Amino acid sequence: MFSRKEFGKTSYRNDEEHCKCFQKNILWSNLSHPSRYRISVAIGIIALMTGLAIGLLSGKAEMWVKVTLMITFAFALLITVIVPTIF
């Protein structure tokens, strides 16, 4: 991406031969032993997605608003499932 020469000491390139940024074993651990906080947040997001799909939340909003909210809720659910509990 960027070389060290362009930005001095700051390097945005991963120096490791194999990037370990996303570890599958952590994902399976998060899914197999979720915390109460993670479960409650996931249920809340799923409830919001369901309300949006039914039309309870969106009402007579334009389609682009509904699609944007659904994508945002889906992304939030993905982050909730993937990111380790830090609280």
PDB file of N, CA and C in Angstrom:
ATOM      1  N   MET A   1       0.821  -1.171   0.000  1.00  0.00           N
ATOM      2  CA  MET A   1       0.000   0.000   0.000  1.00  0.00           C
ATOM      3  C   MET A   1       0.874   1.246   0.000  1.00  0.00           C
ATOM      4  N   PHE A   2       1.401   1.644   1.133  1.00  0.00           N
ATOM      5  CA  PHE A   2       2.303   2.777   1.212  1.00  0.00           C
ATOM      6  C   PHE A   2       3.671   2.265   1.635  1.00  0.00           C
ATOM      7  N   SER A   3       4.686   2.878   1.095  1.00  0.00           N
ATOM      8  CA  SER A   3       6.029   2.463   1.486  1.00  0.00           C
ATOM      9  C   SER A   3       6.525   3.309   2.645  1.00  0.00           C
ATOM     10  N   ARG A   4       7.545   2.802   3.333  1.00  0.00           N
ATOM     11  CA  ARG A   4       8.119   3.531   4.454  1.00  0.00           C
ATOM     12  C   ARG A   4       8.797   4.822   3.992  1.00  0.00           C
ATOM     13  N   LYS A   5       9.292   4.855   2.797  1.00  0.00           N
ATOM     14  CA  LYS A   5       9.988   6.034   2.299  1.00  0.00           C
ATOM     15  C   LYS A   5       9.039   7.223   2.149  1.00  0.00           C
ATOM     16  N   GLU A   6       7.796   6.951   1.788  1.00  0.00           N
ATOM     17  CA  GLU A   6       6.846   8.035   1.563  1.00  0.00           C
ATOM     18  C   GLU A   6       6.404   8.695   2.866  1.00  0.00           C
ATOM     19  N   PHE A   7       6.284   7.921   3.935  1.00  0.00           N
ATOM     20  CA  PHE A   7       5.728   8.440   5.171  1.00  0.00           C
ATOM     21  C   PHE A   7       6.684   8.331   6.352  1.00  0.00           C
ATOM     22  N   GLY A   8       7.958   8.248   6.110  1.00  0.00           N
ATOM     23  CA  GLY A   8       8.931   8.200   7.192  1.00  0.00           C
ATOM     24  C   GLY A   8       8.811   6.917   7.990  1.00  0.00           C
ATOM     25  N   LYS A   9       8.676   7.043   9.306  1.00  0.00           N
ATOM     26  CA  LYS A   9       8.621   5.879  10.179  1.00  0.00           C
ATOM     27  C   LYS A   9       7.250   5.204  10.175  1.00  0.00           C
ATOM     28  N   THR A  10       6.220   5.917   9.776  1.00  0.00           N
ATOM     29  CA  THR A  10       4.881   5.352   9.771  1.00  0.00           C
ATOM     30  C   THR A  10       4.729   4.413   8.581  1.00  0.00           C
ATOM     31  N   SER A  11       4.284   3.216   8.859  1.00  0.00           N
ATOM     32  CA  SER A  11       4.083   2.235   7.809  1.00  0.00           C
ATOM     33  C   SER A  11       2.677   1.666   7.920  1.00  0.00           C
ATOM     34  N   TYR A  12       1.962   1.688   6.829  1.00  0.00           N
ATOM     35  CA  TYR A  12       0.625   1.137   6.810  1.00  0.00           C
ATOM     36  C   TYR A  12       0.617  -0.270   6.233  1.00  0.00           C
ATOM     37  N   ARG A  13       1.755  -0.757   5.851  1.00  0.00           N
ATOM     38  CA  ARG A  13       1.872  -2.086   5.276  1.00  0.00           C
ATOM     39  C   ARG A  13       2.137  -3.074   6.392  1.00  0.00           C
ATOM     40  N   ASN A  14       1.503  -4.215   6.293  1.00  0.00           N
ATOM     41  CA  ASN A  14       1.707  -5.267   7.280  1.00  0.00           C
ATOM     42  C   ASN A  14       3.053  -5.938   6.995  1.00  0.00           C
ATOM     43  N   ASP A  15       3.972  -5.874   7.958  1.00  0.00           N
ATOM     44  CA  ASP A  15       5.304  -6.427   7.755  1.00  0.00           C
ATOM     45  C   ASP A  15       5.342  -7.944   7.899  1.00  0.00           C
ATOM     46  N   GLU A  16       4.317  -8.525   8.486  1.00  0.00           N
ATOM     47  CA  GLU A  16       4.301  -9.970   8.662  1.00  0.00           C
ATOM     48  C   GLU A  16       4.054 -10.658   7.323  1.00  0.00           C
ATOM     49  N   GLU A  17       4.610 -11.835   7.198  1.00  0.00           N
ATOM     50  CA  GLU A  17       4.437 -12.583   5.963  1.00  0.00           C
ATOM     51  C   GLU A  17       2.984 -13.006   5.795  1.00  0.00           C
ATOM     52  N   HIS A  18       2.375 -13.445   6.888  1.00  0.00           N
ATOM     53  CA  HIS A  18       0.974 -13.864   6.849  1.00  0.00           C
ATOM     54  C   HIS A  18       0.200 -13.020   7.852  1.00  0.00           C
ATOM     55  N   CYS A  19      -0.773 -12.269   7.377  1.00  0.00           N
ATOM     56  CA  CYS A  19      -1.543 -11.388   8.258  1.00  0.00           C
ATOM     57  C   CYS A  19      -2.432 -12.221   9.175  1.00  0.00           C
ATOM     58  N   LYS A  20      -2.366 -11.935  10.472  1.00  0.00           N
ATOM     59  CA  LYS A  20      -3.189 -12.634  11.446  1.00  0.00           C
ATOM     60  C   LYS A  20      -4.233 -11.681  12.019  1.00  0.00           C
ATOM     61  N   CYS A  21      -4.756 -10.817  11.164  1.00  0.00           N
ATOM     62  CA  CYS A  21      -5.709  -9.808  11.614  1.00  0.00           C
ATOM     63  C   CYS A  21      -7.056 -10.429  11.965  1.00  0.00           C
ATOM     64  N   PHE A  22      -7.449 -11.434  11.242  1.00  0.00           N
ATOM     65  CA  PHE A  22      -8.735 -12.083  11.470  1.00  0.00           C
ATOM     66  C   PHE A  22      -8.480 -13.557  11.740  1.00  0.00           C
ATOM     67  N   GLN A  23      -8.718 -13.976  12.955  1.00  0.00           N
ATOM     68  CA  GLN A  23      -8.451 -15.358  13.332  1.00  0.00           C
ATOM     69  C   GLN A  23      -9.767 -16.105  13.460  1.00  0.00           C
ATOM     70  N   LYS A  24      -9.890 -17.193  12.701  1.00  0.00           N
ATOM     71  CA  LYS A  24     -11.134 -17.949  12.671  1.00  0.00           C
ATOM     72  C   LYS A  24     -11.445 -18.595  14.012  1.00  0.00           C
ATOM     73  N   ASN A  25     -10.426 -19.012  14.748  1.00  0.00           N
ATOM     74  CA  ASN A  25     -10.706 -19.667  16.029  1.00  0.00           C
ATOM     75  C   ASN A  25     -11.343 -18.708  17.023  1.00  0.00           C
ATOM     76  N   ILE A  26     -11.032 -17.424  16.938  1.00  0.00           N
ATOM     77  CA  ILE A  26     -11.669 -16.435  17.807  1.00  0.00           C
ATOM     78  C   ILE A  26     -13.135 -16.263  17.416  1.00  0.00           C
ATOM     79  N   LEU A  27     -13.415 -16.283  16.119  1.00  0.00           N
ATOM     80  CA  LEU A  27     -14.793 -16.168  15.659  1.00  0.00           C
ATOM     81  C   LEU A  27     -15.631 -17.325  16.186  1.00  0.00           C
ATOM     82  N   TRP A  28     -15.126 -18.544  16.072  1.00  0.00           N
ATOM     83  CA  TRP A  28     -15.884 -19.711  16.556  1.00  0.00           C
ATOM     84  C   TRP A  28     -16.029 -19.661  18.070  1.00  0.00           C
ATOM     85  N   SER A  29     -15.035 -19.145  18.762  1.00  0.00           N
ATOM     86  CA  SER A  29     -15.133 -19.000  20.207  1.00  0.00           C
ATOM     87  C   SER A  29     -16.213 -17.989  20.582  1.00  0.00           C
ATOM     88  N   ASN A  30     -16.285 -16.886  19.837  1.00  0.00           N
ATOM     89  CA  ASN A  30     -17.317 -15.879  20.091  1.00  0.00           C
ATOM     90  C   ASN A  30     -18.712 -16.435  19.834  1.00  0.00           C
ATOM     91  N   LEU A  31     -18.842 -17.271  18.819  1.00  0.00           N
ATOM     92  CA  LEU A  31     -20.147 -17.821  18.487  1.00  0.00           C
ATOM     93  C   LEU A  31     -20.562 -18.939  19.428  1.00  0.00           C
ATOM     94  N   SER A  32     -19.613 -19.717  19.911  1.00  0.00           N
ATOM     95  CA  SER A  32     -19.969 -20.853  20.753  1.00  0.00           C
ATOM     96  C   SER A  32     -20.195 -20.474  22.213  1.00  0.00           C
ATOM     97  N   HIS A  33     -19.580 -19.401  22.683  1.00  0.00           N
ATOM     98  CA  HIS A  33     -19.730 -18.968  24.070  1.00  0.00           C
ATOM     99  C   HIS A  33     -20.011 -17.461  24.138  1.00  0.00           C
ATOM    100  N   PRO A  34     -21.190 -17.042  23.651  1.00  0.00           N
ATOM    101  CA  PRO A  34     -21.464 -15.592  23.671  1.00  0.00           C
ATOM    102  C   PRO A  34     -21.780 -15.097  25.077  1.00  0.00           C
ATOM    103  N   SER A  35     -21.438 -13.858  25.335  1.00  0.00           N
ATOM    104  CA  SER A  35     -21.745 -13.253  26.629  1.00  0.00           C
ATOM    105  C   SER A  35     -23.201 -12.770  26.629  1.00  0.00           C
ATOM    106  N   ARG A  36     -23.711 -12.472  27.812  1.00  0.00           N
ATOM    107  CA  ARG A  36     -25.087 -11.969  27.914  1.00  0.00           C
ATOM    108  C   ARG A  36     -25.227 -10.635  27.204  1.00  0.00           C
ATOM    109  N   TYR A  37     -24.203  -9.819  27.312  1.00  0.00           N
ATOM    110  CA  TYR A  37     -24.226  -8.516  26.644  1.00  0.00           C
ATOM    111  C   TYR A  37     -24.325  -8.700  25.132  1.00  0.00           C
ATOM    112  N   ARG A  38     -23.518  -9.597  24.581  1.00  0.00           N
ATOM    113  CA  ARG A  38     -23.520  -9.845  23.132  1.00  0.00           C
ATOM    114  C   ARG A  38     -24.874 -10.394  22.684  1.00  0.00           C
ATOM    115  N   ILE A  39     -25.453 -11.292  23.477  1.00  0.00           N
ATOM    116  CA  ILE A  39     -26.756 -11.862  23.128  1.00  0.00           C
ATOM    117  C   ILE A  39     -27.838 -10.783  23.151  1.00  0.00           C
ATOM    118  N   SER A  40     -27.813  -9.934  24.170  1.00  0.00           N
ATOM    119  CA  SER A  40     -28.837  -8.891  24.268  1.00  0.00           C
ATOM    120  C   SER A  40     -28.708  -7.874  23.136  1.00  0.00           C
ATOM    121  N   VAL A  41     -27.497  -7.519  22.769  1.00  0.00           N
ATOM    122  CA  VAL A  41     -27.301  -6.574  21.661  1.00  0.00           C
ATOM    123  C   VAL A  41     -27.743  -7.210  20.351  1.00  0.00           C
ATOM    124  N   ALA A  42     -27.404  -8.481  20.137  1.00  0.00           N
ATOM    125  CA  ALA A  42     -27.806  -9.175  18.910  1.00  0.00           C
ATOM    126  C   ALA A  42     -29.327  -9.284  18.826  1.00  0.00           C
ATOM    127  N   ILE A  43     -29.985  -9.604  19.930  1.00  0.00           N
ATOM    128  CA  ILE A  43     -31.448  -9.686  19.928  1.00  0.00           C
ATOM    129  C   ILE A  43     -32.058  -8.321  19.635  1.00  0.00           C
ATOM    130  N   GLY A  44     -31.477  -7.273  20.201  1.00  0.00           N
ATOM    131  CA  GLY A  44     -31.965  -5.924  19.928  1.00  0.00           C
ATOM    132  C   GLY A  44     -31.829  -5.542  18.462  1.00  0.00           C
ATOM    133  N   ILE A  45     -30.702  -5.864  17.863  1.00  0.00           N
ATOM    134  CA  ILE A  45     -30.485  -5.542  16.448  1.00  0.00           C
ATOM    135  C   ILE A  45     -31.417  -6.363  15.571  1.00  0.00           C
ATOM    136  N   ILE A  46     -31.600  -7.636  15.907  1.00  0.00           N
ATOM    137  CA  ILE A  46     -32.519  -8.475  15.134  1.00  0.00           C
ATOM    138  C   ILE A  46     -33.951  -7.946  15.260  1.00  0.00           C
ATOM    139  N   ALA A  47     -34.322  -7.460  16.439  1.00  0.00           N
ATOM    140  CA  ALA A  47     -35.653  -6.866  16.619  1.00  0.00           C
ATOM    141  C   ALA A  47     -35.803  -5.611  15.757  1.00  0.00           C
ATOM    142  N   LEU A  48     -34.766  -4.790  15.704  1.00  0.00           N
ATOM    143  CA  LEU A  48     -34.818  -3.598  14.852  1.00  0.00           C
ATOM    144  C   LEU A  48     -34.933  -3.978  13.380  1.00  0.00           C
ATOM    145  N   MET A  49     -34.194  -5.001  12.958  1.00  0.00           N
ATOM    146  CA  MET A  49     -34.268  -5.455  11.566  1.00  0.00           C
ATOM    147  C   MET A  49     -35.653  -6.001  11.244  1.00  0.00           C
ATOM    148  N   THR A  50     -36.238  -6.737  12.189  1.00  0.00           N
ATOM    149  CA  THR A  50     -37.572  -7.279  11.980  1.00  0.00           C
ATOM    150  C   THR A  50     -38.603  -6.152  11.899  1.00  0.00           C
ATOM    151  N   GLY A  51     -38.494  -5.186  12.797  1.00  0.00           N
ATOM    152  CA  GLY A  51     -39.400  -4.041  12.758  1.00  0.00           C
ATOM    153  C   GLY A  51     -39.282  -3.248  11.476  1.00  0.00           C
ATOM    154  N   LEU A  52     -38.086  -3.159  10.962  1.00  0.00           N
ATOM    155  CA  LEU A  52     -37.872  -2.458   9.702  1.00  0.00           C
ATOM    156  C   LEU A  52     -38.463  -3.246   8.543  1.00  0.00           C
ATOM    157  N   ALA A  53     -38.272  -4.564   8.544  1.00  0.00           N
ATOM    158  CA  ALA A  53     -38.785  -5.410   7.464  1.00  0.00           C
ATOM    159  C   ALA A  53     -40.311  -5.423   7.451  1.00  0.00           C
ATOM    160  N   ILE A  54     -40.929  -5.431   8.623  1.00  0.00           N
ATOM    161  CA  ILE A  54     -42.387  -5.438   8.717  1.00  0.00           C
ATOM    162  C   ILE A  54     -42.960  -4.071   8.335  1.00  0.00           C
ATOM    163  N   GLY A  55     -42.210  -3.036   8.575  1.00  0.00           N
ATOM    164  CA  GLY A  55     -42.677  -1.691   8.285  1.00  0.00           C
ATOM    165  C   GLY A  55     -43.081  -0.934   9.537  1.00  0.00           C
ATOM    166  N   LEU A  56     -42.858  -1.552  10.686  1.00  0.00           N
ATOM    167  CA  LEU A  56     -43.218  -0.931  11.954  1.00  0.00           C
ATOM    168  C   LEU A  56     -42.354   0.303  12.239  1.00  0.00           C
ATOM    169  N   LEU A  57     -41.079   0.227  11.924  1.00  0.00           N
ATOM    170  CA  LEU A  57     -40.156   1.340  12.177  1.00  0.00           C
ATOM    171  C   LEU A  57     -40.111   2.350  11.042  1.00  0.00           C
ATOM    172  N   SER A  58     -40.202   1.862   9.823  1.00  0.00           N
ATOM    173  CA  SER A  58     -39.987   2.746   8.682  1.00  0.00           C
ATOM    174  C   SER A  58     -41.253   3.451   8.212  1.00  0.00           C
ATOM    175  N   GLY A  59     -42.401   2.851   8.429  1.00  0.00           N
ATOM    176  CA  GLY A  59     -43.643   3.479   7.993  1.00  0.00           C
ATOM    177  C   GLY A  59     -43.675   3.689   6.501  1.00  0.00           C
ATOM    178  N   LYS A  60     -43.899   4.928   6.089  1.00  0.00           N
ATOM    179  CA  LYS A  60     -43.991   5.246   4.663  1.00  0.00           C
ATOM    180  C   LYS A  60     -42.712   5.918   4.161  1.00  0.00           C
ATOM    181  N   ALA A  61     -41.602   5.547   4.730  1.00  0.00           N
ATOM    182  CA  ALA A  61     -40.324   6.129   4.292  1.00  0.00           C
ATOM    183  C   ALA A  61     -39.985   5.630   2.892  1.00  0.00           C
ATOM    184  N   GLU A  62     -39.125   6.363   2.230  1.00  0.00           N
ATOM    185  CA  GLU A  62     -38.702   5.965   0.889  1.00  0.00           C
ATOM    186  C   GLU A  62     -37.868   4.694   0.962  1.00  0.00           C
ATOM    187  N   MET A  63     -37.791   3.993  -0.156  1.00  0.00           N
ATOM    188  CA  MET A  63     -37.107   2.702  -0.199  1.00  0.00           C
ATOM    189  C   MET A  63     -35.622   2.831   0.123  1.00  0.00           C
ATOM    190  N   TRP A  64     -34.975   3.901  -0.324  1.00  0.00           N
ATOM    191  CA  TRP A  64     -33.536   4.037  -0.064  1.00  0.00           C
ATOM    192  C   TRP A  64     -33.259   4.169   1.430  1.00  0.00           C
ATOM    193  N   VAL A  65     -34.196   4.746   2.175  1.00  0.00           N
ATOM    194  CA  VAL A  65     -34.039   4.866   3.624  1.00  0.00           C
ATOM    195  C   VAL A  65     -34.127   3.483   4.262  1.00  0.00           C
ATOM    196  N   LYS A  66     -35.080   2.690   3.822  1.00  0.00           N
ATOM    197  CA  LYS A  66     -35.247   1.337   4.356  1.00  0.00           C
ATOM    198  C   LYS A  66     -34.033   0.462   4.052  1.00  0.00           C
ATOM    199  N   VAL A  67     -33.547   0.548   2.829  1.00  0.00           N
ATOM    200  CA  VAL A  67     -32.379  -0.256   2.433  1.00  0.00           C
ATOM    201  C   VAL A  67     -31.147   0.177   3.217  1.00  0.00           C
ATOM    202  N   THR A  68     -30.952   1.470   3.378  1.00  0.00           N
ATOM    203  CA  THR A  68     -29.805   1.978   4.131  1.00  0.00           C
ATOM    204  C   THR A  68     -29.851   1.526   5.585  1.00  0.00           C
ATOM    205  N   LEU A  69     -31.024   1.606   6.198  1.00  0.00           N
ATOM    206  CA  LEU A  69     -31.155   1.153   7.582  1.00  0.00           C
ATOM    207  C   LEU A  69     -30.924  -0.351   7.707  1.00  0.00           C
ATOM    208  N   MET A  70     -31.433  -1.131   6.760  1.00  0.00           N
ATOM    209  CA  MET A  70     -31.247  -2.583   6.812  1.00  0.00           C
ATOM    210  C   MET A  70     -29.769  -2.941   6.660  1.00  0.00           C
ATOM    211  N   ILE A  71     -29.064  -2.276   5.775  1.00  0.00           N
ATOM    212  CA  ILE A  71     -27.626  -2.528   5.607  1.00  0.00           C
ATOM    213  C   ILE A  71     -26.875  -2.121   6.872  1.00  0.00           C
ATOM    214  N   THR A  72     -27.247  -1.003   7.459  1.00  0.00           N
ATOM    215  CA  THR A  72     -26.599  -0.546   8.690  1.00  0.00           C
ATOM    216  C   THR A  72     -26.834  -1.517   9.836  1.00  0.00           C
ATOM    217  N   PHE A  73     -28.071  -2.000   9.994  1.00  0.00           N
ATOM    218  CA  PHE A  73     -28.372  -2.966  11.046  1.00  0.00           C
ATOM    219  C   PHE A  73     -27.647  -4.287  10.803  1.00  0.00           C
ATOM    220  N   ALA A  74     -27.573  -4.722   9.538  1.00  0.00           N
ATOM    221  CA  ALA A  74     -26.870  -5.966   9.219  1.00  0.00           C
ATOM    222  C   ALA A  74     -25.381  -5.836   9.537  1.00  0.00           C
ATOM    223  N   PHE A  75     -24.795  -4.694   9.231  1.00  0.00           N
ATOM    224  CA  PHE A  75     -23.391  -4.460   9.541  1.00  0.00           C
ATOM    225  C   PHE A  75     -23.168  -4.434  11.049  1.00  0.00           C
ATOM    226  N   ALA A  76     -24.079  -3.810  11.780  1.00  0.00           N
ATOM    227  CA  ALA A  76     -23.970  -3.773  13.243  1.00  0.00           C
ATOM    228  C   ALA A  76     -24.072  -5.178  13.829  1.00  0.00           C
ATOM    229  N   LEU A  77     -24.949  -6.002  13.274  1.00  0.00           N
ATOM    230  CA  LEU A  77     -25.066  -7.386  13.741  1.00  0.00           C
ATOM    231  C   LEU A  77     -23.794  -8.164  13.442  1.00  0.00           C
ATOM    232  N   LEU A  78     -23.219  -7.954  12.266  1.00  0.00           N
ATOM    233  CA  LEU A  78     -21.961  -8.613  11.916  1.00  0.00           C
ATOM    234  C   LEU A  78     -20.851  -8.219  12.878  1.00  0.00           C
ATOM    235  N   ILE A  79     -20.735  -6.952  13.176  1.00  0.00           N
ATOM    236  CA  ILE A  79     -19.714  -6.474  14.110  1.00  0.00           C
ATOM    237  C   ILE A  79     -19.963  -7.053  15.502  1.00  0.00           C
ATOM    238  N   THR A  80     -21.215  -7.112  15.908  1.00  0.00           N
ATOM    239  CA  THR A  80     -21.553  -7.673  17.219  1.00  0.00           C
ATOM    240  C   THR A  80     -21.131  -9.125  17.325  1.00  0.00           C
ATOM    241  N   VAL A  81     -21.282  -9.871  16.260  1.00  0.00           N
ATOM    242  CA  VAL A  81     -20.939 -11.291  16.277  1.00  0.00           C
ATOM    243  C   VAL A  81     -19.430 -11.501  16.167  1.00  0.00           C
ATOM    244  N   ILE A  82     -18.757 -10.728  15.343  1.00  0.00           N
ATOM    245  CA  ILE A  82     -17.333 -10.976  15.051  1.00  0.00           C
ATOM    246  C   ILE A  82     -16.396 -10.399  16.100  1.00  0.00           C
ATOM    247  N   VAL A  83     -16.624  -9.160  16.513  1.00  0.00           N
ATOM    248  CA  VAL A  83     -15.678  -8.484  17.400  1.00  0.00           C
ATOM    249  C   VAL A  83     -15.725  -9.100  18.796  1.00  0.00           C
ATOM    250  N   PRO A  84     -14.585  -9.368  19.395  1.00  0.00           N
ATOM    251  CA  PRO A  84     -14.575  -9.949  20.742  1.00  0.00           C
ATOM    252  C   PRO A  84     -15.160  -8.983  21.765  1.00  0.00           C
ATOM    253  N   THR A  85     -15.692  -9.543  22.836  1.00  0.00           N
ATOM    254  CA  THR A  85     -16.246  -8.719  23.893  1.00  0.00           C
ATOM    255  C   THR A  85     -15.112  -7.990  24.608  1.00  0.00           C
ATOM    256  N   ILE A  86     -15.208  -6.661  24.686  1.00  0.00           N
ATOM    257  CA  ILE A  86     -14.143  -5.890  25.306  1.00  0.00           C
ATOM    258  C   ILE A  86     -14.596  -5.185  26.567  1.00  0.00           C
ATOM    259  N   PHE A  87     -15.857  -5.321  26.910  1.00  0.00           N
ATOM    260  CA  PHE A  87     -16.386  -4.640  28.081  1.00  0.00           C
ATOM    261  C   PHE A  87     -16.367  -5.553  29.272  1.00  0.00           C
TER     262      PHE A  87
END
